[in-house]
PDB file of N, CA and C in Angstrom:
ATOM      1  N   MET A   1     113.384 114.627  89.347  1.00  0.00           N
ATOM      2  CA  MET A   1     113.208 113.367  90.048  1.00  0.00           C
ATOM      3  C   MET A   1     113.576 112.222  89.109  1.00  0.00           C
ATOM      4  N   ALA A   2     114.338 111.273  89.628  1.00  0.00           N
ATOM      5  CA  ALA A   2     114.728 110.106  88.838  1.00  0.00           C
ATOM      6  C   ALA A   2     113.634 109.054  88.816  1.00  0.00           C
ATOM      7  N   GLY A   3     112.817 109.023  89.859  1.00  0.00           N
ATOM      8  CA  GLY A   3     111.757 108.018  89.904  1.00  0.00           C
ATOM      9  C   GLY A   3     111.081 107.971  91.250  1.00  0.00           C
ATOM     10  N   LYS A   4     110.180 106.981  91.396  1.00  0.00           N
ATOM     11  CA  LYS A   4     109.469 106.746  92.651  1.00  0.00           C
ATOM     12  C   LYS A   4     109.734 105.319  93.092  1.00  0.00           C
ATOM     13  N   HIS A   5     109.876 105.173  94.391  1.00  0.00           N
ATOM     14  CA  HIS A   5     110.111 103.867  94.988  1.00  0.00           C
ATOM     15  C   HIS A   5     109.024 103.645  96.029  1.00  0.00           C
ATOM     16  N   CYS A   6     108.143 102.686  95.776  1.00  0.00           N
ATOM     17  CA  CYS A   6     107.067 102.364  96.705  1.00  0.00           C
ATOM     18  C   CYS A   6     107.414 101.085  97.459  1.00  0.00           C
ATOM     19  N   VAL A   7     107.362 101.168  98.763  1.00  0.00           N
ATOM     20  CA  VAL A   7     107.592 100.023  99.638  1.00  0.00           C
ATOM     21  C   VAL A   7     106.261  99.739 100.322  1.00  0.00           C
ATOM     22  N   GLN A   8     105.740  98.530 100.087  1.00  0.00           N
ATOM     23  CA  GLN A   8     104.394  98.183 100.538  1.00  0.00           C
ATOM     24  C   GLN A   8     104.427  96.899 101.353  1.00  0.00           C
ATOM     25  N   GLU A   9     103.651  96.890 102.420  1.00  0.00           N
ATOM     26  CA  GLU A   9     103.443  95.677 103.196  1.00  0.00           C
ATOM     27  C   GLU A   9     101.951  95.382 103.199  1.00  0.00           C
ATOM     28  N   LEU A  10     101.603  94.168 102.823  1.00  0.00           N
ATOM     29  CA  LEU A  10     100.210  93.726 102.817  1.00  0.00           C
ATOM     30  C   LEU A  10      99.968  92.855 104.039  1.00  0.00           C
ATOM     31  N   TYR A  11      98.874  93.136 104.754  1.00  0.00           N
ATOM     32  CA  TYR A  11      98.525  92.392 105.957  1.00  0.00           C
ATOM     33  C   TYR A  11      97.161  91.740 105.798  1.00  0.00           C
ATOM     34  N   LYS A  12      97.011  90.568 106.433  1.00  0.00           N
ATOM     35  CA  LYS A  12      95.750  89.820 106.415  1.00  0.00           C
ATOM     36  C   LYS A  12      95.280  89.581 104.988  1.00  0.00           C
ATOM     37  N   ALA A  13      96.223  89.220 104.120  1.00  0.00           N
ATOM     38  CA  ALA A  13      95.896  88.893 102.728  1.00  0.00           C
ATOM     39  C   ALA A  13      95.460  87.431 102.658  1.00  0.00           C
ATOM     40  N   ASP A  14      94.870  87.052 101.541  1.00  0.00           N
ATOM     41  CA  ASP A  14      94.382  85.693 101.324  1.00  0.00           C
ATOM     42  C   ASP A  14      95.562  84.716 101.238  1.00  0.00           C
ATOM     43  N   SER A  15      95.665  83.817 102.188  1.00  0.00           N
ATOM     44  CA  SER A  15      96.790  82.876 102.266  1.00  0.00           C
ATOM     45  C   SER A  15      96.901  81.978 101.041  1.00  0.00           C
ATOM     46  N   ASP A  16      95.768  81.531 100.517  1.00  0.00           N
ATOM     47  CA  ASP A  16      95.806  80.664  99.330  1.00  0.00           C
ATOM     48  C   ASP A  16      96.374  81.410  98.125  1.00  0.00           C
ATOM     49  N   LEU A  17      95.996  82.657  97.958  1.00  0.00           N
ATOM     50  CA  LEU A  17      96.511  83.451  96.839  1.00  0.00           C
ATOM     51  C   LEU A  17      97.999  83.725  97.013  1.00  0.00           C
ATOM     52  N   LEU A  18      98.416  83.992  98.239  1.00  0.00           N
ATOM     53  CA  LEU A  18      99.824  84.267  98.512  1.00  0.00           C
ATOM     54  C   LEU A  18     100.716  83.054  98.261  1.00  0.00           C
ATOM     55  N   ASN A  19     100.118  81.871  98.253  1.00  0.00           N
ATOM     56  CA  ASN A  19     100.895  80.645  98.061  1.00  0.00           C
ATOM     57  C   ASN A  19     100.711  80.049  96.668  1.00  0.00           C
ATOM     58  N   ASP A  20     100.039  80.748  95.786  1.00  0.00           N
ATOM     59  CA  ASP A  20      99.755  80.263  94.426  1.00  0.00           C
ATOM     60  C   ASP A  20     100.728  80.939  93.452  1.00  0.00           C
ATOM     61  N   GLU A  21     101.749  80.208  93.036  1.00  0.00           N
ATOM     62  CA  GLU A  21     102.796  80.788  92.185  1.00  0.00           C
ATOM     63  C   GLU A  21     102.241  81.355  90.886  1.00  0.00           C
ATOM     64  N   ALA A  22     101.338  80.644  90.244  1.00  0.00           N
ATOM     65  CA  ALA A  22     100.764  81.136  88.982  1.00  0.00           C
ATOM     66  C   ALA A  22      99.964  82.423  89.215  1.00  0.00           C
ATOM     67  N   PHE A  23      99.232  82.481  90.313  1.00  0.00           N
ATOM     68  CA  PHE A  23      98.461  83.686  90.639  1.00  0.00           C
ATOM     69  C   PHE A  23      99.398  84.864  90.891  1.00  0.00           C
ATOM     70  N   VAL A  24     100.455  84.635  91.665  1.00  0.00           N
ATOM     71  CA  VAL A  24     101.419  85.696  91.965  1.00  0.00           C
ATOM     72  C   VAL A  24     102.052  86.207  90.680  1.00  0.00           C
ATOM     73  N   ARG A  25     102.425  85.290  89.812  1.00  0.00           N
ATOM     74  CA  ARG A  25     103.041  85.665  88.526  1.00  0.00           C
ATOM     75  C   ARG A  25     102.112  86.571  87.722  1.00  0.00           C
ATOM     76  N   GLU A  26     100.858  86.149  87.576  1.00  0.00           N
ATOM     77  CA  GLU A  26      99.889  86.926  86.798  1.00  0.00           C
ATOM     78  C   GLU A  26      99.617  88.283  87.458  1.00  0.00           C
ATOM     79  N   ALA A  27      99.549  88.308  88.787  1.00  0.00           N
ATOM     80  CA  ALA A  27      99.305  89.570  89.499  1.00  0.00           C
ATOM     81  C   ALA A  27     100.450  90.558  89.274  1.00  0.00           C
ATOM     82  N   LEU A  28     101.673  90.074  89.271  1.00  0.00           N
ATOM     83  CA  LEU A  28     102.826  90.950  89.021  1.00  0.00           C
ATOM     84  C   LEU A  28     102.803  91.518  87.610  1.00  0.00           C
ATOM     85  N   ILE A  29     102.494  90.672  86.641  1.00  0.00           N
ATOM     86  CA  ILE A  29     102.428  91.127  85.244  1.00  0.00           C
ATOM     87  C   ILE A  29     101.333  92.177  85.083  1.00  0.00           C
ATOM     88  N   GLU A  30     100.187  91.934  85.688  1.00  0.00           N
ATOM     89  CA  GLU A  30      99.084  92.891  85.591  1.00  0.00           C
ATOM     90  C   GLU A  30      99.407  94.181  86.344  1.00  0.00           C
ATOM     91  N   ALA A  31     100.114  94.084  87.456  1.00  0.00           N
ATOM     92  CA  ALA A  31     100.512  95.289  88.194  1.00  0.00           C
ATOM     93  C   ALA A  31     101.400  96.180  87.328  1.00  0.00           C
ATOM     94  N   ALA A  32     102.264  95.572  86.545  1.00  0.00           N
ATOM     95  CA  ALA A  32     103.104  96.349  85.626  1.00  0.00           C
ATOM     96  C   ALA A  32     102.249  97.084  84.603  1.00  0.00           C
ATOM     97  N   ARG A  33     101.224  96.409  84.092  1.00  0.00           N
ATOM     98  CA  ARG A  33     100.321  97.036  83.119  1.00  0.00           C
ATOM     99  C   ARG A  33      99.571  98.201  83.766  1.00  0.00           C
ATOM    100  N   VAL A  34      99.059  97.969  84.964  1.00  0.00           N
ATOM    101  CA  VAL A  34      98.313  99.008  85.689  1.00  0.00           C
ATOM    102  C   VAL A  34      99.197 100.234  85.941  1.00  0.00           C
ATOM    103  N   ALA A  35     100.473 100.001  86.161  1.00  0.00           N
ATOM    104  CA  ALA A  35     101.416 101.102  86.409  1.00  0.00           C
ATOM    105  C   ALA A  35     101.848 101.810  85.131  1.00  0.00           C
ATOM    106  N   ASP A  36     101.357 101.359  83.993  1.00  0.00           N
ATOM    107  CA  ASP A  36     101.789 101.893  82.688  1.00  0.00           C
ATOM    108  C   ASP A  36     103.293 101.742  82.498  1.00  0.00           C
ATOM    109  N   ALA A  37     103.828 100.635  83.001  1.00  0.00           N
ATOM    110  CA  ALA A  37     105.248 100.346  82.869  1.00  0.00           C
ATOM    111  C   ALA A  37     105.476  99.387  81.706  1.00  0.00           C
ATOM    112  N   THR A  38     106.718  99.316  81.249  1.00  0.00           N
ATOM    113  CA  THR A  38     107.094  98.465  80.121  1.00  0.00           C
ATOM    114  C   THR A  38     107.613  97.131  80.641  1.00  0.00           C
ATOM    115  N   PHE A  39     106.800  96.088  80.496  1.00  0.00           N
ATOM    116  CA  PHE A  39     107.140  94.748  80.959  1.00  0.00           C
ATOM    117  C   PHE A  39     108.252  94.153  80.095  1.00  0.00           C
ATOM    118  N   LEU A  40     109.272  93.590  80.748  1.00  0.00           N
ATOM    119  CA  LEU A  40     110.357  92.920  80.032  1.00  0.00           C
ATOM    120  C   LEU A  40     110.411  91.423  80.328  1.00  0.00           C
ATOM    121  N   ASP A  41     110.282  91.039  81.615  1.00  0.00           N
ATOM    122  CA  ASP A  41     110.400  89.626  81.976  1.00  0.00           C
ATOM    123  C   ASP A  41     109.823  89.422  83.373  1.00  0.00           C
ATOM    124  N   VAL A  42     109.538  88.156  83.695  1.00  0.00           N
ATOM    125  CA  VAL A  42     109.033  87.811  85.021  1.00  0.00           C
ATOM    126  C   VAL A  42     109.682  86.513  85.479  1.00  0.00           C
ATOM    127  N   ARG A  43     109.976  86.438  86.778  1.00  0.00           N
ATOM    128  CA  ARG A  43     110.507  85.222  87.395  1.00  0.00           C
ATOM    129  C   ARG A  43     109.783  85.022  88.720  1.00  0.00           C
ATOM    130  N   THR A  44     109.403  83.781  88.999  1.00  0.00           N
ATOM    131  CA  THR A  44     108.789  83.459  90.283  1.00  0.00           C
ATOM    132  C   THR A  44     109.373  82.151  90.791  1.00  0.00           C
ATOM    133  N   HIS A  45     109.223  81.956  92.093  1.00  0.00           N
ATOM    134  CA  HIS A  45     109.686  80.717  92.708  1.00  0.00           C
ATOM    135  C   HIS A  45     108.761  80.377  93.873  1.00  0.00           C
ATOM    136  N   LEU A  46     108.282  79.117  93.912  1.00  0.00           N
ATOM    137  CA  LEU A  46     107.454  78.605  95.005  1.00  0.00           C
ATOM    138  C   LEU A  46     108.355  77.879  95.990  1.00  0.00           C
ATOM    139  N   PHE A  47     108.289  78.265  97.255  1.00  0.00           N
ATOM    140  CA  PHE A  47     109.105  77.641  98.286  1.00  0.00           C
ATOM    141  C   PHE A  47     108.363  76.465  98.912  1.00  0.00           C
ATOM    142  N   ASP A  48     109.125  75.536  99.480  1.00  0.00           N
ATOM    143  CA  ASP A  48     108.570  74.395 100.194  1.00  0.00           C
ATOM    144  C   ASP A  48     108.891  74.581 101.669  1.00  0.00           C
ATOM    145  N   PRO A  49     107.943  74.664 102.553  1.00  0.00           N
ATOM    146  CA  PRO A  49     106.573  74.212 102.379  1.00  0.00           C
ATOM    147  C   PRO A  49     105.603  75.273 101.870  1.00  0.00           C
ATOM    148  N   GLN A  50     105.996  76.564 101.874  1.00  0.00           N
ATOM    149  CA  GLN A  50     105.067  77.602 101.427  1.00  0.00           C
ATOM    150  C   GLN A  50     105.805  78.905 101.151  1.00  0.00           C
ATOM    151  N   GLY A  51     105.122  79.785 100.426  1.00  0.00           N
ATOM    152  CA  GLY A  51     105.669  81.101 100.121  1.00  0.00           C
ATOM    153  C   GLY A  51     106.126  81.209  98.683  1.00  0.00           C
ATOM    154  N   VAL A  52     105.997  82.400  98.154  1.00  0.00           N
ATOM    155  CA  VAL A  52     106.373  82.685  96.768  1.00  0.00           C
ATOM    156  C   VAL A  52     107.203  83.960  96.755  1.00  0.00           C
ATOM    157  N   THR A  53     108.199  83.971  95.920  1.00  0.00           N
ATOM    158  CA  THR A  53     108.920  85.205  95.633  1.00  0.00           C
ATOM    159  C   THR A  53     108.797  85.446  94.136  1.00  0.00           C
ATOM    160  N   GLY A  54     108.657  86.696  93.754  1.00  0.00           N
ATOM    161  CA  GLY A  54     108.514  87.014  92.336  1.00  0.00           C
ATOM    162  C   GLY A  54     109.112  88.362  92.015  1.00  0.00           C
ATOM    163  N   PHE A  55     109.502  88.494  90.754  1.00  0.00           N
ATOM    164  CA  PHE A  55     110.179  89.701  90.291  1.00  0.00           C
ATOM    165  C   PHE A  55     109.780  89.966  88.850  1.00  0.00           C
ATOM    166  N   VAL A  56     109.326  91.179  88.583  1.00  0.00           N
ATOM    167  CA  VAL A  56     109.047  91.620  87.216  1.00  0.00           C
ATOM    168  C   VAL A  56     110.101  92.656  86.850  1.00  0.00           C
ATOM    169  N   LEU A  57     110.800  92.382  85.785  1.00  0.00           N
ATOM    170  CA  LEU A  57     111.784  93.313  85.252  1.00  0.00           C
ATOM    171  C   LEU A  57     111.055  94.273  84.320  1.00  0.00           C
ATOM    172  N   LEU A  58     111.230  95.556  84.565  1.00  0.00           N
ATOM    173  CA  LEU A  58     110.598  96.601  83.765  1.00  0.00           C
ATOM    174  C   LEU A  58     111.681  97.420  83.066  1.00  0.00           C
ATOM    175  N   ALA A  59     111.341  98.011  81.948  1.00  0.00           N
ATOM    176  CA  ALA A  59     112.269  98.950  81.320  1.00  0.00           C
ATOM    177  C   ALA A  59     112.543 100.101  82.292  1.00  0.00           C
ATOM    178  N   GLU A  60     111.551 100.409  83.125  1.00  0.00           N
ATOM    179  CA  GLU A  60     111.675 101.504  84.091  1.00  0.00           C
ATOM    180  C   GLU A  60     112.280 101.064  85.422  1.00  0.00           C
ATOM    181  N   SER A  61     112.415  99.790  85.696  1.00  0.00           N
ATOM    182  CA  SER A  61     113.077  99.220  86.873  1.00  0.00           C
ATOM    183  C   SER A  61     112.454  97.883  87.240  1.00  0.00           C
ATOM    184  N   HIS A  62     111.640  97.794  88.344  1.00  0.00           N
ATOM    185  CA  HIS A  62     111.154  96.479  88.767  1.00  0.00           C
ATOM    186  C   HIS A  62     109.951  96.544  89.699  1.00  0.00           C
ATOM    187  N   ILE A  63     109.296  95.382  89.839  1.00  0.00           N
ATOM    188  CA  ILE A  63     108.294  95.128  90.867  1.00  0.00           C
ATOM    189  C   ILE A  63     108.670  93.775  91.476  1.00  0.00           C
ATOM    190  N   SER A  64     108.710  93.704  92.803  1.00  0.00           N
ATOM    191  CA  SER A  64     109.007  92.421  93.441  1.00  0.00           C
ATOM    192  C   SER A  64     108.026  92.159  94.577  1.00  0.00           C
ATOM    193  N   ILE A  65     107.879  90.862  94.910  1.00  0.00           N
ATOM    194  CA  ILE A  65     107.020  90.459  96.018  1.00  0.00           C
ATOM    195  C   ILE A  65     107.631  89.244  96.696  1.00  0.00           C
ATOM    196  N   HIS A  66     107.465  89.188  97.999  1.00  0.00           N
ATOM    197  CA  HIS A  66     107.853  88.030  98.800  1.00  0.00           C
ATOM    198  C   HIS A  66     106.675  87.751  99.721  1.00  0.00           C
ATOM    199  N   THR A  67     106.172  86.506  99.721  1.00  0.00           N
ATOM    200  CA  THR A  67     104.961  86.207 100.482  1.00  0.00           C
ATOM    201  C   THR A  67     105.229  85.232 101.624  1.00  0.00           C
ATOM    202  N   TRP A  68     104.463  85.402 102.690  1.00  0.00           N
ATOM    203  CA  TRP A  68     104.439  84.513 103.835  1.00  0.00           C
ATOM    204  C   TRP A  68     102.969  84.136 104.046  1.00  0.00           C
ATOM    205  N   PRO A  69     102.484  83.117 103.329  1.00  0.00           N
ATOM    206  CA  PRO A  69     101.069  82.744 103.418  1.00  0.00           C
ATOM    207  C   PRO A  69     100.615  82.408 104.838  1.00  0.00           C
ATOM    208  N   GLU A  70     101.498  81.785 105.609  1.00  0.00           N
ATOM    209  CA  GLU A  70     101.141  81.392 106.967  1.00  0.00           C
ATOM    210  C   GLU A  70     100.852  82.597 107.859  1.00  0.00           C
ATOM    211  N   LEU A  71     101.318  83.774 107.440  1.00  0.00           N
ATOM    212  CA  LEU A  71     101.081  85.015 108.184  1.00  0.00           C
ATOM    213  C   LEU A  71     100.084  85.934 107.487  1.00  0.00           C
ATOM    214  N   GLY A  72      99.660  85.571 106.272  1.00  0.00           N
ATOM    215  CA  GLY A  72      98.798  86.458 105.487  1.00  0.00           C
ATOM    216  C   GLY A  72      99.513  87.741 105.124  1.00  0.00           C
ATOM    217  N   TYR A  73     100.823  87.655 104.917  1.00  0.00           N
ATOM    218  CA  TYR A  73     101.674  88.838 104.755  1.00  0.00           C
ATOM    219  C   TYR A  73     102.458  88.778 103.446  1.00  0.00           C
ATOM    220  N   ALA A  74     102.654  89.941 102.839  1.00  0.00           N
ATOM    221  CA  ALA A  74     103.519  90.060 101.665  1.00  0.00           C
ATOM    222  C   ALA A  74     104.276  91.376 101.732  1.00  0.00           C
ATOM    223  N   ALA A  75     105.536  91.329 101.313  1.00  0.00           N
ATOM    224  CA  ALA A  75     106.370  92.521 101.187  1.00  0.00           C
ATOM    225  C   ALA A  75     106.524  92.815  99.702  1.00  0.00           C
ATOM    226  N   VAL A  76     106.204  94.034  99.306  1.00  0.00           N
ATOM    227  CA  VAL A  76     106.195  94.433  97.895  1.00  0.00           C
ATOM    228  C   VAL A  76     107.116  95.627  97.710  1.00  0.00           C
ATOM    229  N   ASP A  77     107.796  95.650  96.572  1.00  0.00           N
ATOM    230  CA  ASP A  77     108.696  96.736  96.220  1.00  0.00           C
ATOM    231  C   ASP A  77     108.403  97.128  94.768  1.00  0.00           C
ATOM    232  N   VAL A  78     108.036  98.369  94.545  1.00  0.00           N
ATOM    233  CA  VAL A  78     107.769  98.863  93.192  1.00  0.00           C
ATOM    234  C   VAL A  78     108.644 100.084  92.968  1.00  0.00           C
ATOM    235  N   TYR A  79     109.583  99.959  92.045  1.00  0.00           N
ATOM    236  CA  TYR A  79     110.474 101.074  91.741  1.00  0.00           C
ATOM    237  C   TYR A  79     110.370 101.379  90.255  1.00  0.00           C
ATOM    238  N   THR A  80     110.063 102.621  89.946  1.00  0.00           N
ATOM    239  CA  THR A  80     109.979 103.030  88.546  1.00  0.00           C
ATOM    240  C   THR A  80     110.725 104.338  88.351  1.00  0.00           C
ATOM    241  N   CYS A  81     111.417 104.422  87.248  1.00  0.00           N
ATOM    242  CA  CYS A  81     112.156 105.628  86.880  1.00  0.00           C
ATOM    243  C   CYS A  81     111.314 106.471  85.928  1.00  0.00           C
ATOM    244  N   GLY A  82     111.551 107.747  85.941  1.00  0.00           N
ATOM    245  CA  GLY A  82     110.870 108.638  85.012  1.00  0.00           C
ATOM    246  C   GLY A  82     109.559 109.165  85.571  1.00  0.00           C
ATOM    247  N   PHE A  83     108.774 109.762  84.683  1.00  0.00           N
ATOM    248  CA  PHE A  83     107.553 110.451  85.095  1.00  0.00           C
ATOM    249  C   PHE A  83     106.281 109.829  84.546  1.00  0.00           C
ATOM    250  N   SER A  84     106.379 108.857  83.666  1.00  0.00           N
ATOM    251  CA  SER A  84     105.198 108.360  82.964  1.00  0.00           C
ATOM    252  C   SER A  84     104.517 107.176  83.641  1.00  0.00           C
ATOM    253  N   THR A  85     105.109 106.605  84.682  1.00  0.00           N
ATOM    254  CA  THR A  85     104.531 105.428  85.316  1.00  0.00           C
ATOM    255  C   THR A  85     103.769 105.793  86.587  1.00  0.00           C
ATOM    256  N   LYS A  86     102.973 104.836  87.048  1.00  0.00           N
ATOM    257  CA  LYS A  86     102.138 105.043  88.235  1.00  0.00           C
ATOM    258  C   LYS A  86     102.371 103.902  89.237  1.00  0.00           C
ATOM    259  N   PRO A  87     103.481 103.934  89.970  1.00  0.00           N
ATOM    260  CA  PRO A  87     103.757 102.837  90.895  1.00  0.00           C
ATOM    261  C   PRO A  87     102.720 102.693  92.007  1.00  0.00           C
ATOM    262  N   GLU A  88     102.130 103.801  92.444  1.00  0.00           N
ATOM    263  CA  GLU A  88     101.104 103.711  93.477  1.00  0.00           C
ATOM    264  C   GLU A  88      99.879 102.941  92.983  1.00  0.00           C
ATOM    265  N   ALA A  89      99.570 103.065  91.699  1.00  0.00           N
ATOM    266  CA  ALA A  89      98.443 102.319  91.128  1.00  0.00           C
ATOM    267  C   ALA A  89      98.733 100.820  91.144  1.00  0.00           C
ATOM    268  N   ALA A  90      99.977 100.446  90.890  1.00  0.00           N
ATOM    269  CA  ALA A  90     100.364  99.037  90.967  1.00  0.00           C
ATOM    270  C   ALA A  90     100.180  98.518  92.388  1.00  0.00           C
ATOM    271  N   CYS A  91     100.562  99.320  93.365  1.00  0.00           N
ATOM    272  CA  CYS A  91     100.408  98.917  94.763  1.00  0.00           C
ATOM    273  C   CYS A  91      98.933  98.755  95.136  1.00  0.00           C
ATOM    274  N   GLN A  92      98.104  99.685  94.707  1.00  0.00           N
ATOM    275  CA  GLN A  92      96.668  99.580  94.996  1.00  0.00           C
ATOM    276  C   GLN A  92      96.079  98.335  94.346  1.00  0.00           C
ATOM    277  N   TYR A  93      96.488  98.041  93.119  1.00  0.00           N
ATOM    278  CA  TYR A  93      96.043  96.834  92.433  1.00  0.00           C
ATOM    279  C   TYR A  93      96.431  95.584  93.238  1.00  0.00           C
ATOM    280  N   LEU A  94      97.687  95.502  93.698  1.00  0.00           N
ATOM    281  CA  LEU A  94      98.141  94.323  94.447  1.00  0.00           C
ATOM    282  C   LEU A  94      97.412  94.203  95.785  1.00  0.00           C
ATOM    283  N   TYR A  95      97.154  95.313  96.436  1.00  0.00           N
ATOM    284  CA  TYR A  95      96.377  95.314  97.684  1.00  0.00           C
ATOM    285  C   TYR A  95      95.007  94.673  97.448  1.00  0.00           C
ATOM    286  N   ASN A  96      94.339  95.105  96.403  1.00  0.00           N
ATOM    287  CA  ASN A  96      93.017  94.564  96.088  1.00  0.00           C
ATOM    288  C   ASN A  96      93.096  93.114  95.617  1.00  0.00           C
ATOM    289  N   ARG A  97      94.050  92.812  94.752  1.00  0.00           N
ATOM    290  CA  ARG A  97      94.151  91.483  94.132  1.00  0.00           C
ATOM    291  C   ARG A  97      94.427  90.386  95.150  1.00  0.00           C
ATOM    292  N   PHE A  98      95.237  90.688  96.172  1.00  0.00           N
ATOM    293  CA  PHE A  98      95.537  89.694  97.203  1.00  0.00           C
ATOM    294  C   PHE A  98      94.561  89.743  98.368  1.00  0.00           C
ATOM    295  N   LYS A  99      93.512  90.551  98.217  1.00  0.00           N
ATOM    296  CA  LYS A  99      92.435  90.663  99.210  1.00  0.00           C
ATOM    297  C   LYS A  99      92.984  90.991 100.597  1.00  0.00           C
ATOM    298  N   ALA A 100      93.954  91.885 100.634  1.00  0.00           N
ATOM    299  CA  ALA A 100      94.522  92.305 101.911  1.00  0.00           C
ATOM    300  C   ALA A 100      93.515  93.153 102.670  1.00  0.00           C
ATOM    301  N   GLN A 101      93.563  93.059 103.977  1.00  0.00           N
ATOM    302  CA  GLN A 101      92.663  93.858 104.811  1.00  0.00           C
ATOM    303  C   GLN A 101      93.331  95.117 105.353  1.00  0.00           C
ATOM    304  N   ASP A 102      94.661  95.160 105.233  1.00  0.00           N
ATOM    305  CA  ASP A 102      95.386  96.335 105.701  1.00  0.00           C
ATOM    306  C   ASP A 102      96.709  96.413 104.946  1.00  0.00           C
ATOM    307  N   GLN A 103      97.324  97.583 104.974  1.00  0.00           N
ATOM    308  CA  GLN A 103      98.615  97.755 104.312  1.00  0.00           C
ATOM    309  C   GLN A 103      99.362  98.927 104.919  1.00  0.00           C
ATOM    310  N   GLN A 104     100.657  98.924 104.704  1.00  0.00           N
ATOM    311  CA  GLN A 104     101.489 100.101 104.925  1.00  0.00           C
ATOM    312  C   GLN A 104     102.133 100.395 103.584  1.00  0.00           C
ATOM    313  N   LEU A 105     102.105 101.650 103.182  1.00  0.00           N
ATOM    314  CA  LEU A 105     102.678 102.046 101.898  1.00  0.00           C
ATOM    315  C   LEU A 105     103.499 103.306 102.105  1.00  0.00           C
ATOM    316  N   GLN A 106     104.742 103.210 101.705  1.00  0.00           N
ATOM    317  CA  GLN A 106     105.636 104.371 101.762  1.00  0.00           C
ATOM    318  C   GLN A 106     106.125 104.646 100.350  1.00  0.00           C
ATOM    319  N   THR A 107     105.973 105.883  99.892  1.00  0.00           N
ATOM    320  CA  THR A 107     106.475 106.285  98.584  1.00  0.00           C
ATOM    321  C   THR A 107     107.655 107.228  98.784  1.00  0.00           C
ATOM    322  N   ILE A 108     108.751 106.877  98.148  1.00  0.00           N
ATOM    323  CA  ILE A 108     109.988 107.651  98.266  1.00  0.00           C
ATOM    324  C   ILE A 108     110.309 108.254  96.903  1.00  0.00           C
ATOM    325  N   ALA A 109     110.453 109.552  96.842  1.00  0.00           N
ATOM    326  CA  ALA A 109     110.882 110.200  95.603  1.00  0.00           C
ATOM    327  C   ALA A 109     112.388 110.014  95.484  1.00  0.00           C
ATOM    328  N   ARG A 110     112.812 109.446  94.386  1.00  0.00           N
ATOM    329  CA  ARG A 110     114.241 109.239  94.151  1.00  0.00           C
ATOM    330  C   ARG A 110     114.762 110.399  93.312  1.00  0.00           C
ATOM    331  N   PRO A 111     115.613 111.240  93.886  1.00  0.00           N
ATOM    332  CA  PRO A 111     116.098 112.418  93.165  1.00  0.00           C
ATOM    333  C   PRO A 111     117.134 112.037  92.110  1.00  0.00           C
ATOM    334  N   VAL A 112     117.325 112.937  91.176  1.00  0.00           N
ATOM    335  CA  VAL A 112     118.384 112.784  90.191  1.00  0.00           C
ATOM    336  C   VAL A 112     119.706 112.988  90.925  1.00  0.00           C
ATOM    337  N   PRO A 113     120.625 112.026  90.824  1.00  0.00           N
ATOM    338  CA  PRO A 113     121.898 112.193  91.525  1.00  0.00           C
ATOM    339  C   PRO A 113     122.699 113.364  90.991  1.00  0.00           C
ATOM    340  N   LYS A 114     123.414 114.023  91.877  1.00  0.00           N
ATOM    341  CA  LYS A 114     124.284 115.127  91.479  1.00  0.00           C
ATOM    342  C   LYS A 114     125.710 114.600  91.435  1.00  0.00           C
ATOM    343  N   PHE A 115     126.330 114.705  90.304  1.00  0.00           N
ATOM    344  CA  PHE A 115     127.684 114.231  90.129  1.00  0.00           C
ATOM    345  C   PHE A 115     128.619 115.422  89.959  1.00  0.00           C
ATOM    346  N   THR A 116     129.804 115.303  90.480  1.00  0.00           N
ATOM    347  CA  THR A 116     130.803 116.333  90.272  1.00  0.00           C
ATOM    348  C   THR A 116     131.981 115.707  89.567  1.00  0.00           C
ATOM    349  N   CYS A 117     132.624 116.463  88.733  1.00  0.00           N
ATOM    350  CA  CYS A 117     133.803 115.981  88.023  1.00  0.00           C
ATOM    351  C   CYS A 117     135.056 116.520  88.708  1.00  0.00           C
ATOM    352  N   ALA A 118     136.049 115.681  88.818  1.00  0.00           N
ATOM    353  CA  ALA A 118     137.304 116.100  89.457  1.00  0.00           C
ATOM    354  C   ALA A 118     138.186 116.836  88.471  1.00  0.00           C
TER     355      ALA A 118
END
């Protein structure tokens, strides 16, 4: 397996937290730690009138979030390569941290690609 790809949707999350750029930034950084991933960089952006997008670059790949505070909704993507990380733990952390009342979580095993030489 090349890695795991977790696609998460948070529902009925705290609107104030979803619209707080500094909070989102810190939550992403901590999610990387919880996943035992290697943090490299973080970028966030606060939209007008509302919403935050954020991205954590990991040595193993990335964690991203896009929020819609007016809906209490966030779309999260956690992709990690290798066997040593715990992307599901990052998702559980974000679910709790944003005080979501419901979620959908899909974990996709990413296989090692098979290449053929001509």
